C-alpha atoms as a PDB file:
ATOM      1  CA  MET A   1      88.815 121.974 123.080  1.00  0.00           C
ATOM      2  CA  LEU A   2      90.779 125.136 123.952  1.00  0.00           C
ATOM      3  CA  GLY A   3      87.772 127.415 124.367  1.00  0.00           C
ATOM      4  CA  PRO A   4      86.944 130.761 122.732  1.00  0.00           C
ATOM      5  CA  GLU A   5      89.134 132.677 125.192  1.00  0.00           C
ATOM      6  CA  VAL A   6      92.417 131.282 123.813  1.00  0.00           C
ATOM      7  CA  SER A   7      94.583 134.019 122.253  1.00  0.00           C
ATOM      8  CA  ASP A   8      95.929 133.934 118.707  1.00  0.00           C
ATOM      9  CA  ALA A   9      99.476 133.851 120.073  1.00  0.00           C
ATOM     10  CA  ALA A  10      98.726 130.860 122.301  1.00  0.00           C
ATOM     11  CA  LEU A  11      96.974 129.101 119.437  1.00  0.00           C
ATOM     12  CA  GLU A  12      99.989 129.640 117.175  1.00  0.00           C
ATOM     13  CA  ARG A  13     102.339 128.263 119.837  1.00  0.00           C
ATOM     14  CA  LEU A  14     100.179 125.164 120.272  1.00  0.00           C
ATOM     15  CA  ALA A  15      99.911 124.618 116.514  1.00  0.00           C
ATOM     16  CA  THR A  16     103.686 124.844 116.160  1.00  0.00           C
ATOM     17  CA  ALA A  17     104.123 122.454 119.087  1.00  0.00           C
ATOM     18  CA  ALA A  18     101.733 119.996 117.409  1.00  0.00           C
ATOM     19  CA  PHE A  19     103.867 119.841 114.264  1.00  0.00           C
ATOM     20  CA  VAL A  20     107.014 119.455 116.369  1.00  0.00           C
ATOM     21  CA  SER A  21     105.337 116.611 118.264  1.00  0.00           C
ATOM     22  CA  TYR A  22     104.299 114.974 114.989  1.00  0.00           C
ATOM     23  CA  ALA A  23     107.852 115.127 113.647  1.00  0.00           C
ATOM     24  CA  HIS A  24     109.050 113.632 116.928  1.00  0.00           C
ATOM     25  CA  TYR A  25     106.482 110.848 116.531  1.00  0.00           C
ATOM     26  CA  TRP A  26     107.853 109.813 113.124  1.00  0.00           C
ATOM     27  CA  VAL A  27     111.455 109.917 114.293  1.00  0.00           C
ATOM     28  CA  GLU A  28     110.639 107.793 117.335  1.00  0.00           C
ATOM     29  CA  SER A  29     108.518 105.396 115.256  1.00  0.00           C
ATOM     30  CA  ALA A  30     111.559 104.733 113.078  1.00  0.00           C
ATOM     31  CA  ARG A  31     113.903 104.079 116.005  1.00  0.00           C
ATOM     32  CA  VAL A  32     111.742 102.396 118.663  1.00  0.00           C
ATOM     33  CA  GLY A  33     112.255  98.961 117.133  1.00  0.00           C
ATOM     34  CA  ALA A  34     116.019  99.294 117.570  1.00  0.00           C
ATOM     35  CA  LEU A  35     115.842 100.122 121.287  1.00  0.00           C
ATOM     36  CA  ARG A  36     116.756  97.478 123.838  1.00  0.00           C
ATOM     37  CA  SER A  37     114.035  96.140 126.100  1.00  0.00           C
ATOM     38  CA  ASP A  38     115.637  97.736 129.149  1.00  0.00           C
ATOM     39  CA  GLU A  39     115.678 101.113 127.381  1.00  0.00           C
ATOM     40  CA  ILE A  40     111.934 100.816 126.796  1.00  0.00           C
ATOM     41  CA  GLU A  41     111.322  99.896 130.426  1.00  0.00           C
ATOM     42  CA  SER A  42     113.408 102.773 131.769  1.00  0.00           C
ATOM     43  CA  THR A  43     111.705 105.450 129.663  1.00  0.00           C
ATOM     44  CA  PHE A  44     108.068 104.306 129.959  1.00  0.00           C
ATOM     45  CA  SER A  45     105.597 104.861 132.789  1.00  0.00           C
ATOM     46  CA  ILE A  46     101.908 104.015 132.958  1.00  0.00           C
ATOM     47  CA  GLU A  47      98.910 104.692 135.181  1.00  0.00           C
ATOM     48  CA  GLY A  48      95.878 102.443 135.094  1.00  0.00           C
ATOM     49  CA  PHE A  49      97.746  99.341 133.921  1.00  0.00           C
ATOM     50  CA  GLU A  50      96.172  97.286 136.692  1.00  0.00           C
ATOM     51  CA  ARG A  51      92.779  98.050 135.165  1.00  0.00           C
ATOM     52  CA  LEU A  52      93.917  96.516 131.903  1.00  0.00           C
ATOM     53  CA  ARG A  53      95.435  93.493 133.626  1.00  0.00           C
ATOM     54  CA  LEU A  54      92.224  92.850 135.566  1.00  0.00           C
ATOM     55  CA  GLU A  55      90.168  92.899 132.366  1.00  0.00           C
ATOM     56  CA  MET A  56      92.676  90.684 130.563  1.00  0.00           C
ATOM     57  CA  ALA A  57      92.503  88.171 133.428  1.00  0.00           C
ATOM     58  CA  LYS A  58      88.821  87.622 132.641  1.00  0.00           C
ATOM     59  CA  GLY A  59      89.874  85.989 129.360  1.00  0.00           C
ATOM     60  CA  ARG A  60      87.419  87.849 127.142  1.00  0.00           C
ATOM     61  CA  GLY A  61      89.903  90.202 125.478  1.00  0.00           C
ATOM     62  CA  VAL A  62      90.205  93.971 125.635  1.00  0.00           C
ATOM     63  CA  ILE A  63      89.636  96.673 123.028  1.00  0.00           C
ATOM     64  CA  VAL A  64      91.872  99.683 123.634  1.00  0.00           C
ATOM     65  CA  VAL A  65      90.756 102.845 121.813  1.00  0.00           C
ATOM     66  CA  LEU A  66      93.468 105.442 121.245  1.00  0.00           C
ATOM     67  CA  PRO A  67      93.570 108.972 119.884  1.00  0.00           C
ATOM     68  CA  HIS A  68      96.367 110.120 117.550  1.00  0.00           C
ATOM     69  CA  VAL A  69      98.194 111.553 120.557  1.00  0.00           C
ATOM     70  CA  GLY A  70     101.870 111.249 121.404  1.00  0.00           C
ATOM     71  CA  SER A  71     103.476 107.989 120.268  1.00  0.00           C
ATOM     72  CA  TRP A  72     101.126 105.025 120.483  1.00  0.00           C
ATOM     73  CA  GLU A  73     103.618 102.543 118.951  1.00  0.00           C
ATOM     74  CA  TYR A  74     105.910 103.056 121.926  1.00  0.00           C
ATOM     75  CA  GLY A  75     103.083 101.845 124.144  1.00  0.00           C
ATOM     76  CA  GLY A  76     102.514  98.890 121.826  1.00  0.00           C
ATOM     77  CA  ARG A  77     106.166  97.869 122.153  1.00  0.00           C
ATOM     78  CA  TRP A  78     105.965  98.140 125.956  1.00  0.00           C
ATOM     79  CA  LEU A  79     102.764  96.082 126.090  1.00  0.00           C
ATOM     80  CA  ALA A  80     104.352  93.333 123.998  1.00  0.00           C
ATOM     81  CA  GLN A  81     107.242  93.204 126.468  1.00  0.00           C
ATOM     82  CA  GLN A  82     104.729  92.642 129.287  1.00  0.00           C
ATOM     83  CA  GLY A  83     103.255  89.670 127.423  1.00  0.00           C
ATOM     84  CA  TYR A  84     100.278  91.534 125.949  1.00  0.00           C
ATOM     85  CA  PRO A  85     100.923  91.855 122.194  1.00  0.00           C
ATOM     86  CA  MET A  86      98.399  94.062 120.437  1.00  0.00           C
ATOM     87  CA  THR A  87      96.565  93.598 117.154  1.00  0.00           C
ATOM     88  CA  THR A  88      95.558  96.713 115.250  1.00  0.00           C
ATOM     89  CA  VAL A  89      94.270  97.840 111.841  1.00  0.00           C
ATOM     90  CA  GLY A  90      96.519  99.912 109.587  1.00  0.00           C
ATOM     91  CA  GLU A  91      95.313 102.722 107.381  1.00  0.00           C
ATOM     92  CA  ALA A  92      95.437 101.764 103.688  1.00  0.00           C
ATOM     93  CA  LEU A  93      98.548 103.240 102.078  1.00  0.00           C
ATOM     94  CA  GLU A  94      99.628 103.535  98.473  1.00  0.00           C
ATOM     95  CA  PRO A  95     101.643 102.045  96.934  1.00  0.00           C
ATOM     96  CA  PRO A  96     101.104  98.603  98.512  1.00  0.00           C
ATOM     97  CA  GLU A  97     104.854  98.317  99.137  1.00  0.00           C
ATOM     98  CA  LEU A  98     104.589 101.242 101.565  1.00  0.00           C
ATOM     99  CA  PHE A  99     101.893  99.454 103.546  1.00  0.00           C
ATOM    100  CA  GLU A 100     104.040  96.315 103.617  1.00  0.00           C
ATOM    101  CA  TRP A 101     106.965  98.324 104.983  1.00  0.00           C
ATOM    102  CA  PHE A 102     104.682  99.950 107.566  1.00  0.00           C
ATOM    103  CA  THR A 103     103.414  96.539 108.633  1.00  0.00           C
ATOM    104  CA  SER A 104     106.860  94.986 108.884  1.00  0.00           C
ATOM    105  CA  GLN A 105     108.088  97.874 111.035  1.00  0.00           C
ATOM    106  CA  ARG A 106     105.273  97.394 113.510  1.00  0.00           C
ATOM    107  CA  ASN A 107     105.523  93.615 113.463  1.00  0.00           C
ATOM    108  CA  ALA A 108     109.072  94.091 114.738  1.00  0.00           C
ATOM    109  CA  LEU A 109     107.591  95.915 117.747  1.00  0.00           C
ATOM    110  CA  GLY A 110     105.321  92.981 118.597  1.00  0.00           C
ATOM    111  CA  LEU A 111     102.272  94.542 116.924  1.00  0.00           C
ATOM    112  CA  THR A 112     100.089  92.650 114.452  1.00  0.00           C
ATOM    113  CA  VAL A 113      98.799  95.065 111.800  1.00  0.00           C
ATOM    114  CA  LEU A 114      95.797  93.971 109.757  1.00  0.00           C
ATOM    115  CA  PRO A 115      94.862  95.644 106.470  1.00  0.00           C
ATOM    116  CA  PRO A 116      91.381  97.185 106.266  1.00  0.00           C
ATOM    117  CA  GLY A 117      88.988  94.932 104.413  1.00  0.00           C
ATOM    118  CA  PRO A 118      85.918  92.683 104.623  1.00  0.00           C
ATOM    119  CA  GLY A 119      87.692  89.938 106.561  1.00  0.00           C
ATOM    120  CA  THR A 120      89.276  92.202 109.152  1.00  0.00           C
ATOM    121  CA  THR A 121      86.313  92.242 111.548  1.00  0.00           C
ATOM    122  CA  VAL A 122      86.285  88.448 111.725  1.00  0.00           C
ATOM    123  CA  ARG A 123      90.004  88.387 112.524  1.00  0.00           C
ATOM    124  CA  LEU A 124      89.569  91.022 115.231  1.00  0.00           C
ATOM    125  CA  LEU A 125      86.711  89.060 116.792  1.00  0.00           C
ATOM    126  CA  ASP A 126      88.856  85.919 116.748  1.00  0.00           C
ATOM    127  CA  THR A 127      91.667  87.857 118.449  1.00  0.00           C
ATOM    128  CA  LEU A 128      89.320  89.001 121.208  1.00  0.00           C
ATOM    129  CA  ARG A 129      87.841  85.540 121.673  1.00  0.00           C
ATOM    130  CA  GLU A 130      91.387  84.301 122.216  1.00  0.00           C
ATOM    131  CA  GLY A 131      91.562  86.734 125.145  1.00  0.00           C
ATOM    132  CA  ARG A 132      93.997  89.130 123.508  1.00  0.00           C
ATOM    133  CA  ILE A 133      94.218  92.915 122.982  1.00  0.00           C
ATOM    134  CA  VAL A 134      92.907  94.851 120.000  1.00  0.00           C
ATOM    135  CA  GLY A 135      94.098  98.452 119.752  1.00  0.00           C
ATOM    136  CA  LEU A 136      92.225 100.871 117.493  1.00  0.00           C
ATOM    137  CA  LEU A 137      92.890 104.535 116.745  1.00  0.00           C
ATOM    138  CA  ALA A 138      89.386 105.955 116.566  1.00  0.00           C
ATOM    139  CA  ASP A 139      89.414 109.741 116.936  1.00  0.00           C
ATOM    140  CA  ARG A 140      88.674 110.407 113.268  1.00  0.00           C
ATOM    141  CA  ASP A 141      86.254 108.934 110.743  1.00  0.00           C
ATOM    142  CA  LEU A 142      88.320 108.288 107.610  1.00  0.00           C
ATOM    143  CA  VAL A 143      85.557 106.535 105.665  1.00  0.00           C
ATOM    144  CA  GLY A 144      82.778 108.971 106.580  1.00  0.00           C
ATOM    145  CA  THR A 145      80.307 106.274 107.617  1.00  0.00           C
ATOM    146  CA  GLY A 146      80.742 106.544 111.371  1.00  0.00           C
ATOM    147  CA  VAL A 147      78.406 107.223 114.268  1.00  0.00           C
ATOM    148  CA  GLU A 148      77.281 110.781 115.016  1.00  0.00           C
ATOM    149  CA  VAL A 149      78.595 112.031 118.354  1.00  0.00           C
ATOM    150  CA  ASP A 150      79.207 115.255 120.178  1.00  0.00           C
ATOM    151  CA  PHE A 151      82.979 115.765 120.137  1.00  0.00           C
ATOM    152  CA  PHE A 152      84.450 118.871 121.757  1.00  0.00           C
ATOM    153  CA  GLY A 153      81.105 120.643 121.569  1.00  0.00           C
ATOM    154  CA  GLU A 154      80.280 119.996 117.922  1.00  0.00           C
ATOM    155  CA  LYS A 155      78.558 117.151 116.128  1.00  0.00           C
ATOM    156  CA  THR A 156      80.754 114.948 113.966  1.00  0.00           C
ATOM    157  CA  THR A 157      81.170 111.232 113.304  1.00  0.00           C
ATOM    158  CA  LEU A 158      83.578 108.744 114.843  1.00  0.00           C
ATOM    159  CA  PRO A 159      84.089 105.076 113.964  1.00  0.00           C
ATOM    160  CA  GLY A 160      81.504 102.773 115.502  1.00  0.00           C
ATOM    161  CA  GLY A 161      83.721  99.711 115.058  1.00  0.00           C
ATOM    162  CA  PRO A 162      85.171  99.608 118.590  1.00  0.00           C
ATOM    163  CA  ALA A 163      81.728  99.725 120.191  1.00  0.00           C
ATOM    164  CA  LEU A 164      80.340  97.120 117.804  1.00  0.00           C
ATOM    165  CA  LEU A 165      83.277  94.798 118.434  1.00  0.00           C
ATOM    166  CA  ALA A 166      82.835  95.133 122.203  1.00  0.00           C
ATOM    167  CA  LEU A 167      79.113  94.418 122.026  1.00  0.00           C
ATOM    168  CA  ARG A 168      79.519  91.439 119.701  1.00  0.00           C
ATOM    169  CA  SER A 169      82.474  89.853 121.503  1.00  0.00           C
ATOM    170  CA  GLY A 170      81.846  90.688 125.167  1.00  0.00           C
ATOM    171  CA  ALA A 171      85.332  92.190 125.358  1.00  0.00           C
ATOM    172  CA  ALA A 172      86.092  95.127 127.634  1.00  0.00           C
ATOM    173  CA  LEU A 173      86.318  98.558 125.995  1.00  0.00           C
ATOM    174  CA  MET A 174      88.887 101.001 127.372  1.00  0.00           C
ATOM    175  CA  THR A 175      90.575 104.192 126.195  1.00  0.00           C
ATOM    176  CA  CYS A 176      94.242 105.064 126.486  1.00  0.00           C
ATOM    177  CA  ALA A 177      96.782 107.644 125.355  1.00  0.00           C
ATOM    178  CA  ILE A 178     100.579 107.525 125.317  1.00  0.00           C
ATOM    179  CA  TYR A 179     102.077 110.982 125.851  1.00  0.00           C
ATOM    180  CA  GLN A 180     105.512 112.196 124.885  1.00  0.00           C
ATOM    181  CA  ARG A 181     107.479 113.525 127.840  1.00  0.00           C
ATOM    182  CA  PRO A 182     110.764 115.475 128.017  1.00  0.00           C
ATOM    183  CA  HIS A 183     114.121 113.700 127.737  1.00  0.00           C
ATOM    184  CA  GLY A 184     112.799 110.859 125.587  1.00  0.00           C
ATOM    185  CA  ARG A 185     110.301 109.553 128.116  1.00  0.00           C
ATOM    186  CA  TYR A 186     106.699 108.401 127.609  1.00  0.00           C
ATOM    187  CA  HIS A 187     103.707 108.168 129.906  1.00  0.00           C
ATOM    188  CA  ALA A 188     100.521 106.197 129.298  1.00  0.00           C
ATOM    189  CA  VAL A 189      97.106 106.725 130.858  1.00  0.00           C
ATOM    190  CA  VAL A 190      94.560 103.891 130.768  1.00  0.00           C
ATOM    191  CA  GLN A 191      90.983 104.922 131.530  1.00  0.00           C
ATOM    192  CA  PRO A 192      88.481 102.691 133.399  1.00  0.00           C
ATOM    193  CA  PRO A 193      86.480 100.284 131.218  1.00  0.00           C
ATOM    194  CA  LEU A 194      83.319 101.674 129.683  1.00  0.00           C
ATOM    195  CA  ASP A 195      79.902 100.205 130.454  1.00  0.00           C
ATOM    196  CA  THR A 196      79.192  97.778 127.610  1.00  0.00           C
ATOM    197  CA  THR A 197      75.969  96.403 129.125  1.00  0.00           C
ATOM    198  CA  ARG A 198      73.287  95.922 126.485  1.00  0.00           C
ATOM    199  CA  SER A 199      70.376  98.308 127.059  1.00  0.00           C
ATOM    200  CA  GLY A 200      67.679  96.310 125.328  1.00  0.00           C
ATOM    201  CA  GLY A 201      67.030  99.119 122.865  1.00  0.00           C
ATOM    202  CA  GLY A 202      68.747  97.416 119.965  1.00  0.00           C
ATOM    203  CA  MET A 203      72.304  97.166 118.658  1.00  0.00           C
ATOM    204  CA  ARG A 204      72.222 100.505 116.821  1.00  0.00           C
ATOM    205  CA  GLN A 205      71.239 102.386 119.980  1.00  0.00           C
ATOM    206  CA  ASP A 206      73.896 100.612 122.040  1.00  0.00           C
ATOM    207  CA  VAL A 207      76.608 101.366 119.471  1.00  0.00           C
ATOM    208  CA  GLN A 208      75.648 105.043 119.440  1.00  0.00           C
ATOM    209  CA  ARG A 209      75.680 105.313 123.230  1.00  0.00           C
ATOM    210  CA  LEU A 210      78.978 103.496 123.594  1.00  0.00           C
ATOM    211  CA  THR A 211      80.629 105.494 120.798  1.00  0.00           C
ATOM    212  CA  GLN A 212      79.531 108.713 122.505  1.00  0.00           C
ATOM    213  CA  ASP A 213      80.953 107.483 125.818  1.00  0.00           C
ATOM    214  CA  THR A 214      84.198 106.703 124.007  1.00  0.00           C
ATOM    215  CA  ALA A 215      84.243 110.222 122.553  1.00  0.00           C
ATOM    216  CA  TYR A 216      83.924 111.733 126.042  1.00  0.00           C
ATOM    217  CA  ASP A 217      86.870 109.632 127.232  1.00  0.00           C
ATOM    218  CA  LEU A 218      88.942 110.665 124.212  1.00  0.00           C
ATOM    219  CA  GLU A 219      88.173 114.321 124.933  1.00  0.00           C
ATOM    220  CA  GLU A 220      89.625 113.944 128.414  1.00  0.00           C
ATOM    221  CA  LEU A 221      92.779 112.282 127.115  1.00  0.00           C
ATOM    222  CA  ILE A 222      93.303 114.844 124.360  1.00  0.00           C
ATOM    223  CA  ARG A 223      92.719 117.832 126.656  1.00  0.00           C
ATOM    224  CA  ALA A 224      95.637 116.633 128.781  1.00  0.00           C
ATOM    225  CA  ALA A 225      98.030 117.437 125.888  1.00  0.00           C
ATOM    226  CA  PRO A 226      96.260 119.107 122.944  1.00  0.00           C
ATOM    227  CA  GLU A 227      99.613 120.059 121.413  1.00  0.00           C
ATOM    228  CA  GLN A 228     100.322 116.346 120.946  1.00  0.00           C
ATOM    229  CA  TRP A 229      97.111 115.622 119.044  1.00  0.00           C
ATOM    230  CA  HIS A 230      98.205 114.787 115.506  1.00  0.00           C
ATOM    231  CA  LEU A 231      95.008 115.661 113.703  1.00  0.00           C
ATOM    232  CA  PHE A 232      95.897 117.661 110.616  1.00  0.00           C
ATOM    233  CA  GLN A 233      92.781 117.329 108.486  1.00  0.00           C
ATOM    234  CA  PRO A 234      89.159 118.524 108.737  1.00  0.00           C
ATOM    235  CA  ASN A 235      87.322 116.593 111.421  1.00  0.00           C
ATOM    236  CA  TRP A 236      84.059 118.505 111.949  1.00  0.00           C
ATOM    237  CA  PRO A 237      81.410 119.721 109.486  1.00  0.00           C
ATOM    238  CA  SER A 238      82.469 123.330 110.122  1.00  0.00           C
ATOM    239  CA  ASP A 239      86.037 122.405 109.089  1.00  0.00           C
ATOM    240  CA  ARG A 240      84.859 120.862 105.859  1.00  0.00           C
ATOM    241  CA  GLN A 241      82.749 123.907 105.014  1.00  0.00           C
ATOM    242  CA  ARG A 242      85.723 126.173 105.680  1.00  0.00           C
ATOM    243  CA  TYR A 243      88.169 124.275 103.462  1.00  0.00           C
ATOM    244  CA  HIS A 244      85.909 123.335 100.538  1.00  0.00           C
END
């Protein structure tokens, strides 16, 4: 992502900035629900929103894939204010009471948070068939059963769920990131929709191709602000070899 020419000093500065950004994310996540609607509007900007609106107008739903960059909940609150509430899947947390608190906090923002489980895919498909938005953070493979892709020059796996949902539902598949900006502002970038046309080579092949295309889009979004990428665990085979 940064290239071999990056100096140790620059790398240390970026690593420190990443932890500062992550702390900022949690503080803002706790307070965004208390902000007035006009405060959200005045501190949020977005490019590519018309792309999303055009896809939503087709009535087939949209899957928005996000990296753990900046403050995605802020974007979810803004979308809800525009009349586009988002449904997402929350990472399983222990104890269950913590997950319930997490869910209630995001429900207050206009987000619907589903727990991971066997019935979640059906509910997401129903959401898309209703012509609504599904937002999925998909820059890391928590379960370890994802699709192999090239990601920042090294093979790893990323979740194949977004691609599979798009292919099964006919929904548009787009990527987006919400960046933190100085003075409490936020800026979102929505990428053009990916090509979800079936190739005729089978579902597995289509999922792999579309997941790789998603990875390329995520690379572009992350490179725009690598110090805001909140990825603090091994994500590539070389990482896992180094830390085990």
